[in-house]
N, C-alpha and C. Protein backbone atom coordinates (compact mmCIF):
# COMPACT_ATOMS: atom_id res chain seq x y z
N UNK A 1 -26.69 -3.19 -22.63
CA UNK A 1 -26.91 -3.68 -21.27
C UNK A 1 -27.18 -2.40 -20.34
N UNK A 2 -28.29 -2.35 -19.76
CA UNK A 2 -28.54 -1.09 -18.78
C UNK A 2 -27.54 -1.17 -17.62
N UNK A 3 -27.13 0.05 -17.30
CA UNK A 3 -26.28 0.21 -16.08
C UNK A 3 -27.02 1.06 -15.06
N UNK A 4 -27.10 0.51 -13.82
CA UNK A 4 -27.73 1.25 -12.77
C UNK A 4 -26.69 1.68 -11.85
N UNK A 5 -26.60 3.00 -11.48
CA UNK A 5 -25.66 3.62 -10.65
C UNK A 5 -26.36 4.61 -9.76
N UNK A 6 -26.11 4.57 -8.49
CA UNK A 6 -26.74 5.55 -7.63
C UNK A 6 -28.25 5.44 -7.69
N UNK A 7 -28.80 4.34 -7.88
CA UNK A 7 -30.28 4.10 -7.89
C UNK A 7 -30.88 4.62 -9.15
N UNK A 8 -30.12 4.96 -10.20
CA UNK A 8 -30.66 5.52 -11.46
C UNK A 8 -30.07 4.76 -12.67
N UNK A 9 -30.81 4.69 -13.73
CA UNK A 9 -30.32 4.04 -14.99
C UNK A 9 -29.51 5.13 -15.64
N UNK A 10 -28.23 4.83 -15.88
CA UNK A 10 -27.31 5.88 -16.46
C UNK A 10 -26.60 5.35 -17.74
N UNK A 11 -26.01 6.20 -18.49
CA UNK A 11 -25.19 5.85 -19.59
C UNK A 11 -23.86 5.39 -19.03
N UNK A 12 -23.31 4.33 -19.64
CA UNK A 12 -22.03 3.86 -19.29
C UNK A 12 -20.91 4.58 -20.02
N UNK A 13 -20.04 5.33 -19.30
CA UNK A 13 -19.03 6.08 -19.94
C UNK A 13 -17.87 5.10 -20.32
N UNK A 14 -17.79 3.95 -19.79
CA UNK A 14 -16.67 3.00 -20.11
C UNK A 14 -16.95 2.20 -21.28
N UNK A 15 -15.90 1.99 -22.09
CA UNK A 15 -15.86 1.15 -23.27
C UNK A 15 -15.19 -0.12 -22.83
N UNK A 16 -15.83 -1.29 -23.00
CA UNK A 16 -15.25 -2.54 -22.56
C UNK A 16 -14.32 -3.04 -23.73
N UNK A 17 -13.06 -3.29 -23.37
CA UNK A 17 -12.06 -3.77 -24.33
C UNK A 17 -11.68 -5.29 -24.00
N UNK A 18 -11.45 -6.03 -25.12
CA UNK A 18 -10.99 -7.39 -24.87
C UNK A 18 -9.49 -7.29 -24.74
N UNK A 19 -8.83 -8.45 -24.50
CA UNK A 19 -7.46 -8.50 -24.24
C UNK A 19 -6.63 -7.98 -25.41
N UNK A 20 -7.18 -8.28 -26.61
CA UNK A 20 -6.42 -7.95 -27.84
C UNK A 20 -7.00 -6.78 -28.58
N UNK A 21 -7.98 -6.01 -28.05
CA UNK A 21 -8.59 -4.89 -28.73
C UNK A 21 -7.59 -3.72 -28.73
N UNK A 22 -7.36 -3.05 -29.83
CA UNK A 22 -6.43 -1.84 -29.73
C UNK A 22 -7.01 -0.76 -28.84
N UNK A 23 -6.14 -0.11 -28.10
CA UNK A 23 -6.61 0.97 -27.15
C UNK A 23 -7.00 2.21 -27.94
N UNK A 24 -8.09 2.72 -27.55
CA UNK A 24 -8.53 4.03 -28.11
C UNK A 24 -7.56 5.11 -27.55
N UNK A 25 -7.48 6.18 -28.29
CA UNK A 25 -6.43 7.28 -27.90
C UNK A 25 -6.93 7.88 -26.61
N UNK A 26 -8.24 8.03 -26.31
CA UNK A 26 -8.73 8.64 -25.06
C UNK A 26 -10.10 7.95 -24.76
N UNK A 27 -10.68 8.47 -23.67
CA UNK A 27 -11.95 7.90 -23.30
C UNK A 27 -11.78 6.82 -22.13
N UNK A 28 -12.87 6.62 -21.50
CA UNK A 28 -12.89 5.66 -20.37
C UNK A 28 -12.93 4.27 -20.86
N UNK A 29 -12.05 3.37 -20.27
CA UNK A 29 -12.03 2.03 -20.70
C UNK A 29 -12.11 1.12 -19.52
N UNK A 30 -12.71 -0.10 -19.79
CA UNK A 30 -12.86 -1.16 -18.87
C UNK A 30 -12.14 -2.32 -19.45
N UNK A 31 -11.02 -2.83 -18.87
CA UNK A 31 -10.17 -3.91 -19.41
C UNK A 31 -10.19 -5.09 -18.61
N UNK A 32 -9.99 -6.31 -19.15
CA UNK A 32 -9.88 -7.55 -18.41
C UNK A 32 -8.70 -7.48 -17.50
N UNK A 33 -8.77 -8.25 -16.42
CA UNK A 33 -7.71 -8.23 -15.35
C UNK A 33 -6.35 -8.65 -15.99
N UNK A 34 -6.27 -9.65 -16.86
CA UNK A 34 -5.03 -10.05 -17.39
C UNK A 34 -4.34 -9.00 -18.16
N UNK A 35 -5.11 -8.24 -18.94
CA UNK A 35 -4.57 -7.12 -19.69
C UNK A 35 -4.13 -5.96 -18.78
N UNK A 36 -4.96 -5.76 -17.76
CA UNK A 36 -4.69 -4.59 -16.88
C UNK A 36 -3.28 -4.86 -16.16
N UNK A 37 -3.11 -6.07 -15.59
CA UNK A 37 -1.89 -6.40 -14.89
C UNK A 37 -0.68 -6.38 -15.81
N UNK A 38 -0.84 -6.84 -17.11
CA UNK A 38 0.25 -6.82 -18.05
C UNK A 38 0.60 -5.43 -18.49
N UNK A 39 -0.42 -4.54 -18.59
CA UNK A 39 -0.15 -3.19 -19.28
C UNK A 39 -0.48 -2.05 -18.35
N UNK A 40 -0.49 -2.28 -17.05
CA UNK A 40 -1.01 -1.24 -16.09
C UNK A 40 -0.40 0.19 -16.34
N UNK A 41 0.93 0.21 -16.42
CA UNK A 41 1.59 1.49 -16.52
C UNK A 41 1.08 2.23 -17.77
N UNK A 42 1.01 1.62 -18.94
CA UNK A 42 0.59 2.27 -20.13
C UNK A 42 -0.85 2.68 -20.03
N UNK A 43 -1.70 1.79 -19.54
CA UNK A 43 -3.09 2.03 -19.41
C UNK A 43 -3.42 3.23 -18.56
N UNK A 44 -2.62 3.34 -17.40
CA UNK A 44 -2.89 4.41 -16.46
C UNK A 44 -2.38 5.77 -16.85
N UNK A 45 -1.50 5.70 -17.91
CA UNK A 45 -0.89 7.06 -18.42
C UNK A 45 -1.79 7.71 -19.47
N UNK A 46 -2.65 6.92 -20.13
CA UNK A 46 -3.47 7.42 -21.24
C UNK A 46 -4.61 8.35 -20.66
N UNK A 47 -5.14 9.32 -21.54
CA UNK A 47 -6.25 10.11 -21.07
C UNK A 47 -7.47 9.33 -20.88
N UNK A 48 -8.25 9.64 -19.90
CA UNK A 48 -9.48 8.90 -19.59
C UNK A 48 -9.38 8.02 -18.39
N UNK A 49 -10.48 7.64 -17.82
CA UNK A 49 -10.51 6.74 -16.67
C UNK A 49 -10.24 5.34 -17.16
N UNK A 50 -9.63 4.57 -16.15
CA UNK A 50 -9.42 3.16 -16.43
C UNK A 50 -10.13 2.40 -15.37
N UNK A 51 -10.75 1.30 -15.84
CA UNK A 51 -11.45 0.37 -14.94
C UNK A 51 -10.94 -1.02 -15.24
N UNK A 52 -11.18 -1.92 -14.39
CA UNK A 52 -10.72 -3.34 -14.59
C UNK A 52 -11.85 -4.35 -14.29
N UNK A 53 -11.94 -5.34 -15.18
CA UNK A 53 -12.96 -6.39 -14.98
C UNK A 53 -12.25 -7.47 -14.30
N UNK A 54 -12.63 -7.75 -12.97
CA UNK A 54 -11.84 -8.71 -12.12
C UNK A 54 -12.69 -9.95 -11.88
N UNK A 55 -12.15 -11.08 -12.46
CA UNK A 55 -12.91 -12.38 -12.24
C UNK A 55 -12.95 -12.75 -10.81
N UNK A 56 -13.98 -13.51 -10.32
CA UNK A 56 -13.93 -13.89 -9.01
C UNK A 56 -13.08 -14.97 -8.58
N UNK A 57 -12.44 -15.62 -9.56
CA UNK A 57 -11.44 -16.66 -9.17
C UNK A 57 -10.05 -16.10 -9.23
N UNK A 58 -9.80 -14.83 -9.29
CA UNK A 58 -8.50 -14.21 -9.32
C UNK A 58 -8.32 -13.47 -7.96
N UNK A 59 -7.14 -13.61 -7.35
CA UNK A 59 -6.85 -13.06 -6.05
C UNK A 59 -6.90 -11.49 -6.12
N UNK A 60 -7.74 -10.91 -5.27
CA UNK A 60 -7.85 -9.47 -5.26
C UNK A 60 -6.60 -8.75 -4.78
N UNK A 61 -5.69 -9.46 -4.07
CA UNK A 61 -4.41 -8.83 -3.65
C UNK A 61 -3.64 -8.34 -4.79
N UNK A 62 -3.77 -8.93 -5.97
CA UNK A 62 -2.99 -8.46 -7.18
C UNK A 62 -3.41 -7.09 -7.54
N UNK A 63 -4.62 -6.73 -7.28
CA UNK A 63 -5.19 -5.47 -7.67
C UNK A 63 -4.91 -4.32 -6.66
N UNK A 64 -4.59 -4.69 -5.47
CA UNK A 64 -4.43 -3.71 -4.34
C UNK A 64 -3.50 -2.60 -4.67
N UNK A 65 -2.28 -2.85 -5.27
CA UNK A 65 -1.43 -1.78 -5.55
C UNK A 65 -1.98 -0.61 -6.42
N UNK A 66 -2.95 -0.98 -7.23
CA UNK A 66 -3.50 0.02 -8.25
C UNK A 66 -4.82 0.63 -7.80
N UNK A 67 -5.33 0.24 -6.63
CA UNK A 67 -6.70 0.75 -6.23
C UNK A 67 -6.82 2.24 -6.23
N UNK A 68 -5.76 2.97 -5.86
CA UNK A 68 -5.90 4.35 -5.87
C UNK A 68 -5.80 5.02 -7.26
N UNK A 69 -5.60 4.15 -8.29
CA UNK A 69 -5.46 4.67 -9.60
C UNK A 69 -6.54 4.23 -10.57
N UNK A 70 -7.34 3.24 -10.23
CA UNK A 70 -8.41 2.76 -11.10
C UNK A 70 -9.73 3.43 -10.71
N UNK A 71 -10.48 3.84 -11.64
CA UNK A 71 -11.74 4.44 -11.40
C UNK A 71 -12.90 3.52 -11.11
N UNK A 72 -12.68 2.30 -11.64
CA UNK A 72 -13.88 1.36 -11.51
C UNK A 72 -13.34 -0.10 -11.42
N UNK A 73 -13.93 -0.91 -10.62
CA UNK A 73 -13.65 -2.36 -10.55
C UNK A 73 -14.94 -3.10 -10.83
N UNK A 74 -14.98 -3.83 -11.84
CA UNK A 74 -16.19 -4.65 -12.15
C UNK A 74 -15.90 -6.08 -11.76
N UNK A 75 -16.73 -6.47 -10.67
CA UNK A 75 -16.49 -7.92 -10.24
C UNK A 75 -17.52 -8.79 -10.89
N UNK A 76 -17.05 -9.93 -11.25
CA UNK A 76 -17.87 -10.79 -12.17
C UNK A 76 -18.57 -11.91 -11.38
N UNK A 77 -19.87 -12.08 -11.70
CA UNK A 77 -20.73 -13.13 -11.12
C UNK A 77 -20.96 -14.06 -12.29
N UNK A 78 -20.13 -15.18 -12.42
CA UNK A 78 -20.29 -16.05 -13.64
C UNK A 78 -21.61 -16.77 -13.61
N UNK A 79 -22.11 -17.13 -12.40
CA UNK A 79 -23.38 -17.72 -12.24
C UNK A 79 -24.09 -17.17 -11.04
N UNK A 80 -25.37 -17.20 -10.89
CA UNK A 80 -26.03 -16.60 -9.77
C UNK A 80 -25.72 -17.37 -8.46
N UNK A 81 -25.25 -18.60 -8.63
CA UNK A 81 -24.95 -19.43 -7.41
C UNK A 81 -23.49 -19.17 -6.86
N UNK A 82 -22.73 -18.46 -7.56
CA UNK A 82 -21.34 -18.22 -7.23
C UNK A 82 -21.22 -16.84 -6.59
N UNK A 83 -20.97 -16.88 -5.26
CA UNK A 83 -20.94 -15.55 -4.50
C UNK A 83 -19.55 -15.03 -4.15
N UNK A 84 -18.51 -15.55 -4.78
CA UNK A 84 -17.17 -15.08 -4.40
C UNK A 84 -17.00 -13.57 -4.62
N UNK A 85 -17.69 -12.95 -5.62
CA UNK A 85 -17.60 -11.54 -5.86
C UNK A 85 -18.12 -10.73 -4.66
N UNK A 86 -19.07 -11.25 -3.89
CA UNK A 86 -19.53 -10.59 -2.66
C UNK A 86 -18.27 -10.40 -1.70
N UNK A 87 -17.54 -11.53 -1.54
CA UNK A 87 -16.31 -11.38 -0.65
C UNK A 87 -15.40 -10.43 -1.16
N UNK A 88 -15.13 -10.46 -2.47
CA UNK A 88 -14.18 -9.50 -3.06
C UNK A 88 -14.61 -8.06 -2.82
N UNK A 89 -15.95 -7.81 -3.03
CA UNK A 89 -16.49 -6.44 -2.76
C UNK A 89 -16.23 -6.01 -1.36
N UNK A 90 -16.56 -6.93 -0.41
CA UNK A 90 -16.38 -6.48 1.05
C UNK A 90 -14.92 -6.27 1.33
N UNK A 91 -14.02 -7.08 0.73
CA UNK A 91 -12.58 -6.79 0.99
C UNK A 91 -12.14 -5.44 0.42
N UNK A 92 -12.63 -5.23 -0.84
CA UNK A 92 -12.21 -3.95 -1.43
C UNK A 92 -12.74 -2.77 -0.61
N UNK A 93 -13.91 -2.79 -0.12
CA UNK A 93 -14.57 -1.64 0.68
C UNK A 93 -13.97 -1.56 1.97
N UNK A 94 -14.09 -2.69 2.70
CA UNK A 94 -13.74 -2.72 4.16
C UNK A 94 -12.26 -2.83 4.53
N UNK A 95 -11.54 -3.69 3.83
CA UNK A 95 -10.16 -3.96 4.20
C UNK A 95 -9.27 -2.89 3.50
N UNK A 96 -9.55 -2.65 2.16
CA UNK A 96 -8.62 -1.74 1.38
C UNK A 96 -9.17 -0.44 1.17
N UNK A 97 -10.42 -0.14 1.70
CA UNK A 97 -10.98 1.16 1.64
C UNK A 97 -11.04 1.73 0.25
N UNK A 98 -11.39 0.92 -0.72
CA UNK A 98 -11.53 1.31 -2.14
C UNK A 98 -12.90 2.17 -2.21
N UNK A 99 -12.76 3.33 -2.85
CA UNK A 99 -13.86 4.32 -2.89
C UNK A 99 -14.29 4.57 -4.33
N UNK A 100 -13.70 4.00 -5.25
CA UNK A 100 -14.12 4.19 -6.68
C UNK A 100 -15.36 3.35 -6.91
N UNK A 101 -15.84 3.34 -8.20
CA UNK A 101 -17.05 2.62 -8.58
C UNK A 101 -16.77 1.09 -8.42
N UNK A 102 -17.71 0.45 -7.82
CA UNK A 102 -17.63 -1.04 -7.65
C UNK A 102 -18.86 -1.56 -8.38
N UNK A 103 -18.62 -2.25 -9.46
CA UNK A 103 -19.64 -2.66 -10.32
C UNK A 103 -19.87 -4.12 -10.27
N UNK A 104 -21.09 -4.61 -10.27
CA UNK A 104 -21.50 -5.96 -10.32
C UNK A 104 -21.82 -6.31 -11.81
N UNK A 105 -21.33 -7.38 -12.33
CA UNK A 105 -21.60 -7.75 -13.73
C UNK A 105 -21.69 -9.24 -13.86
N UNK A 106 -22.44 -9.68 -14.80
CA UNK A 106 -22.62 -11.11 -15.03
C UNK A 106 -24.02 -11.55 -14.69
N UNK A 107 -24.15 -12.67 -14.05
CA UNK A 107 -25.42 -13.25 -13.69
C UNK A 107 -25.94 -12.58 -12.43
N UNK A 108 -26.71 -11.49 -12.52
CA UNK A 108 -27.26 -10.77 -11.47
C UNK A 108 -28.72 -10.99 -11.44
N UNK A 109 -29.23 -11.37 -10.30
CA UNK A 109 -30.76 -11.60 -10.21
C UNK A 109 -31.31 -10.52 -9.36
N UNK A 110 -32.56 -10.20 -9.52
CA UNK A 110 -33.30 -9.16 -8.76
C UNK A 110 -33.19 -9.39 -7.22
N UNK A 111 -33.30 -10.65 -6.81
CA UNK A 111 -33.44 -10.88 -5.36
C UNK A 111 -32.03 -10.78 -4.75
N UNK A 112 -30.94 -10.51 -5.52
CA UNK A 112 -29.62 -10.27 -4.98
C UNK A 112 -29.23 -8.81 -4.82
N UNK A 113 -30.03 -7.90 -5.39
CA UNK A 113 -29.66 -6.50 -5.41
C UNK A 113 -29.34 -5.93 -4.04
N UNK A 114 -30.24 -6.18 -3.08
CA UNK A 114 -30.00 -5.63 -1.68
C UNK A 114 -28.71 -6.14 -1.08
N UNK A 115 -28.47 -7.48 -1.28
CA UNK A 115 -27.21 -8.09 -0.76
C UNK A 115 -26.01 -7.39 -1.45
N UNK A 116 -26.10 -7.15 -2.71
CA UNK A 116 -24.97 -6.50 -3.41
C UNK A 116 -24.75 -5.12 -2.94
N UNK A 117 -25.80 -4.35 -2.77
CA UNK A 117 -25.67 -3.07 -2.20
C UNK A 117 -24.93 -3.10 -0.84
N UNK A 118 -25.43 -4.04 0.05
CA UNK A 118 -24.80 -4.20 1.35
C UNK A 118 -23.33 -4.58 1.27
N UNK A 119 -22.98 -5.33 0.26
CA UNK A 119 -21.62 -5.74 0.20
C UNK A 119 -20.70 -4.60 -0.34
N UNK A 120 -21.28 -3.56 -0.80
CA UNK A 120 -20.48 -2.35 -1.21
C UNK A 120 -20.50 -2.07 -2.72
N UNK A 121 -21.35 -2.83 -3.47
CA UNK A 121 -21.49 -2.48 -4.95
C UNK A 121 -22.31 -1.19 -5.03
N UNK A 122 -21.88 -0.39 -5.98
CA UNK A 122 -22.68 0.91 -6.19
C UNK A 122 -23.16 1.01 -7.68
N UNK A 123 -22.74 0.10 -8.54
CA UNK A 123 -23.28 0.09 -9.91
C UNK A 123 -23.52 -1.33 -10.41
N UNK A 124 -24.37 -1.52 -11.28
CA UNK A 124 -24.88 -2.89 -11.62
C UNK A 124 -25.18 -2.92 -13.14
N UNK A 125 -24.53 -3.88 -13.81
CA UNK A 125 -24.84 -4.12 -15.26
C UNK A 125 -25.90 -5.20 -15.25
N UNK A 126 -27.04 -4.86 -15.67
CA UNK A 126 -28.12 -5.91 -15.76
C UNK A 126 -28.49 -6.19 -17.13
N UNK A 127 -29.11 -7.35 -17.36
CA UNK A 127 -29.33 -7.87 -18.73
C UNK A 127 -30.61 -7.18 -19.32
N UNK A 128 -31.63 -6.83 -18.53
CA UNK A 128 -32.88 -6.39 -19.06
C UNK A 128 -33.26 -5.04 -18.42
N UNK A 129 -33.94 -4.24 -19.25
CA UNK A 129 -34.41 -2.91 -18.82
C UNK A 129 -35.35 -3.11 -17.58
N UNK A 130 -36.16 -4.16 -17.62
CA UNK A 130 -37.05 -4.41 -16.49
C UNK A 130 -36.30 -4.66 -15.14
N UNK A 131 -35.23 -5.40 -15.33
CA UNK A 131 -34.26 -5.58 -14.07
C UNK A 131 -33.76 -4.30 -13.52
N UNK A 132 -33.39 -3.38 -14.49
CA UNK A 132 -32.85 -2.12 -14.06
C UNK A 132 -33.93 -1.24 -13.29
N UNK A 133 -35.08 -1.28 -13.86
CA UNK A 133 -36.25 -0.59 -13.17
C UNK A 133 -36.56 -1.23 -11.89
N UNK A 134 -36.54 -2.51 -11.74
CA UNK A 134 -36.81 -3.24 -10.49
C UNK A 134 -35.71 -2.85 -9.47
N UNK A 135 -34.49 -2.79 -9.99
CA UNK A 135 -33.47 -2.50 -9.04
C UNK A 135 -33.53 -1.08 -8.46
N UNK A 136 -33.97 -0.04 -9.27
CA UNK A 136 -34.16 1.26 -8.74
C UNK A 136 -35.20 1.20 -7.63
N UNK A 137 -36.26 0.42 -7.79
CA UNK A 137 -37.27 0.38 -6.75
C UNK A 137 -36.73 -0.35 -5.52
N UNK A 138 -36.04 -1.41 -5.65
CA UNK A 138 -35.38 -2.18 -4.55
C UNK A 138 -34.46 -1.28 -3.75
N UNK A 139 -33.65 -0.55 -4.44
CA UNK A 139 -32.64 0.37 -3.78
C UNK A 139 -33.40 1.39 -2.88
N UNK A 140 -34.58 1.82 -3.22
CA UNK A 140 -35.29 2.83 -2.44
C UNK A 140 -36.09 2.18 -1.21
N UNK A 141 -36.37 0.87 -1.33
CA UNK A 141 -37.30 0.19 -0.40
C UNK A 141 -36.67 0.11 1.02
N UNK A 142 -35.36 -0.18 1.09
CA UNK A 142 -34.79 -0.48 2.36
C UNK A 142 -33.86 0.68 2.81
N UNK A 143 -33.96 1.18 4.01
CA UNK A 143 -33.16 2.26 4.41
C UNK A 143 -32.50 1.98 5.77
N UNK A 144 -32.88 0.97 6.47
CA UNK A 144 -32.35 0.68 7.84
C UNK A 144 -31.91 -0.82 7.87
N UNK A 145 -30.72 -1.09 8.33
CA UNK A 145 -30.21 -2.42 8.41
C UNK A 145 -29.56 -2.68 9.76
N UNK A 146 -29.61 -3.96 10.18
CA UNK A 146 -29.03 -4.28 11.43
C UNK A 146 -27.57 -4.70 11.43
N UNK A 147 -27.12 -5.24 10.37
CA UNK A 147 -25.72 -5.63 10.20
C UNK A 147 -24.89 -4.57 9.59
N UNK A 148 -23.64 -4.35 10.14
CA UNK A 148 -22.67 -3.40 9.52
C UNK A 148 -22.07 -4.13 8.29
N UNK A 149 -21.92 -3.42 7.21
CA UNK A 149 -21.23 -3.90 6.00
C UNK A 149 -20.47 -2.83 5.31
N UNK A 150 -20.01 -3.13 4.13
CA UNK A 150 -19.18 -2.29 3.28
C UNK A 150 -19.82 -1.16 2.61
N UNK A 151 -21.19 -0.97 2.75
CA UNK A 151 -21.84 0.03 2.02
C UNK A 151 -21.85 1.43 2.70
N UNK A 152 -21.21 1.51 3.87
CA UNK A 152 -21.15 2.67 4.65
C UNK A 152 -22.26 3.22 5.43
N UNK A 153 -23.39 2.51 5.37
CA UNK A 153 -24.62 2.89 6.12
C UNK A 153 -24.43 2.56 7.58
N UNK A 154 -24.95 3.44 8.38
CA UNK A 154 -24.94 3.10 9.82
C UNK A 154 -26.06 2.08 10.10
N UNK A 155 -25.88 1.33 11.13
CA UNK A 155 -26.79 0.20 11.49
C UNK A 155 -27.95 0.83 12.38
N UNK A 156 -29.05 0.05 12.43
CA UNK A 156 -30.15 0.52 13.26
C UNK A 156 -29.70 0.80 14.66
N UNK A 157 -28.87 0.04 15.29
CA UNK A 157 -28.42 0.23 16.66
C UNK A 157 -27.65 1.62 16.76
N UNK A 158 -26.77 1.86 15.83
CA UNK A 158 -26.05 3.07 15.80
C UNK A 158 -26.91 4.31 15.60
N UNK A 159 -28.00 4.11 14.72
CA UNK A 159 -28.87 5.12 14.52
C UNK A 159 -29.61 5.52 15.84
N UNK A 160 -30.09 4.48 16.56
CA UNK A 160 -30.75 4.65 17.79
C UNK A 160 -29.87 5.35 18.86
N UNK A 161 -28.58 4.95 18.90
CA UNK A 161 -27.60 5.54 19.79
C UNK A 161 -27.42 7.00 19.50
N UNK A 162 -27.34 7.37 18.20
CA UNK A 162 -27.16 8.71 17.80
C UNK A 162 -28.35 9.57 18.27
N UNK A 163 -29.57 9.10 17.98
CA UNK A 163 -30.77 9.73 18.35
C UNK A 163 -30.82 9.96 19.84
N UNK A 164 -30.50 8.91 20.64
CA UNK A 164 -30.50 9.13 22.14
C UNK A 164 -29.45 10.08 22.56
N UNK A 165 -28.35 10.07 21.95
CA UNK A 165 -27.29 11.04 22.27
C UNK A 165 -27.71 12.40 21.97
N UNK A 166 -28.27 12.65 20.82
CA UNK A 166 -28.71 14.05 20.37
C UNK A 166 -29.90 14.53 21.22
N UNK A 167 -30.66 13.59 21.78
CA UNK A 167 -31.78 14.04 22.67
C UNK A 167 -31.29 14.18 24.09
N UNK A 168 -30.03 13.83 24.39
CA UNK A 168 -29.50 13.94 25.74
C UNK A 168 -29.90 12.78 26.71
N UNK A 169 -30.46 11.70 26.16
CA UNK A 169 -30.92 10.59 26.94
C UNK A 169 -29.69 9.76 27.37
N UNK A 170 -29.53 9.41 28.57
CA UNK A 170 -28.40 8.51 29.02
C UNK A 170 -27.13 9.22 29.22
N UNK A 171 -27.06 10.58 29.17
CA UNK A 171 -25.80 11.26 29.44
C UNK A 171 -25.69 11.90 30.75
């Protein structure tokens, strides 16, 4: 499955493990939420980065104590009509100030890419190579937004205010 991160198709350094898959001695791993919560101390002590696959029907507050220790959080879109992972992403970025990799996984459609970026996602597992390439183009297409969100970009209004201030207008 192609992974898009930073507007580029990249190799995924994380190995996805099931609940009952033996742990590799080292390397980056992505584990399901139930395994992470049950084995957090052991997982975080091993060499390599640890990421967690967090379903959209699980309370994000359970993950909060570990946010400074996990390298990636993969939020799941079980169907394209289920947008709870958008809310989870915004909470992680805006309320909890999570700065690690925030990955969208599951049923991701091309027309949702911009909304996912705006919600704070920075990497995307897509099903097809063509979708990965379309995402790269979509990410470059929009550079100015009106609404503030979790992606850290300044809004059009703030951009205008900065420009006016730098030119000495209105001071």
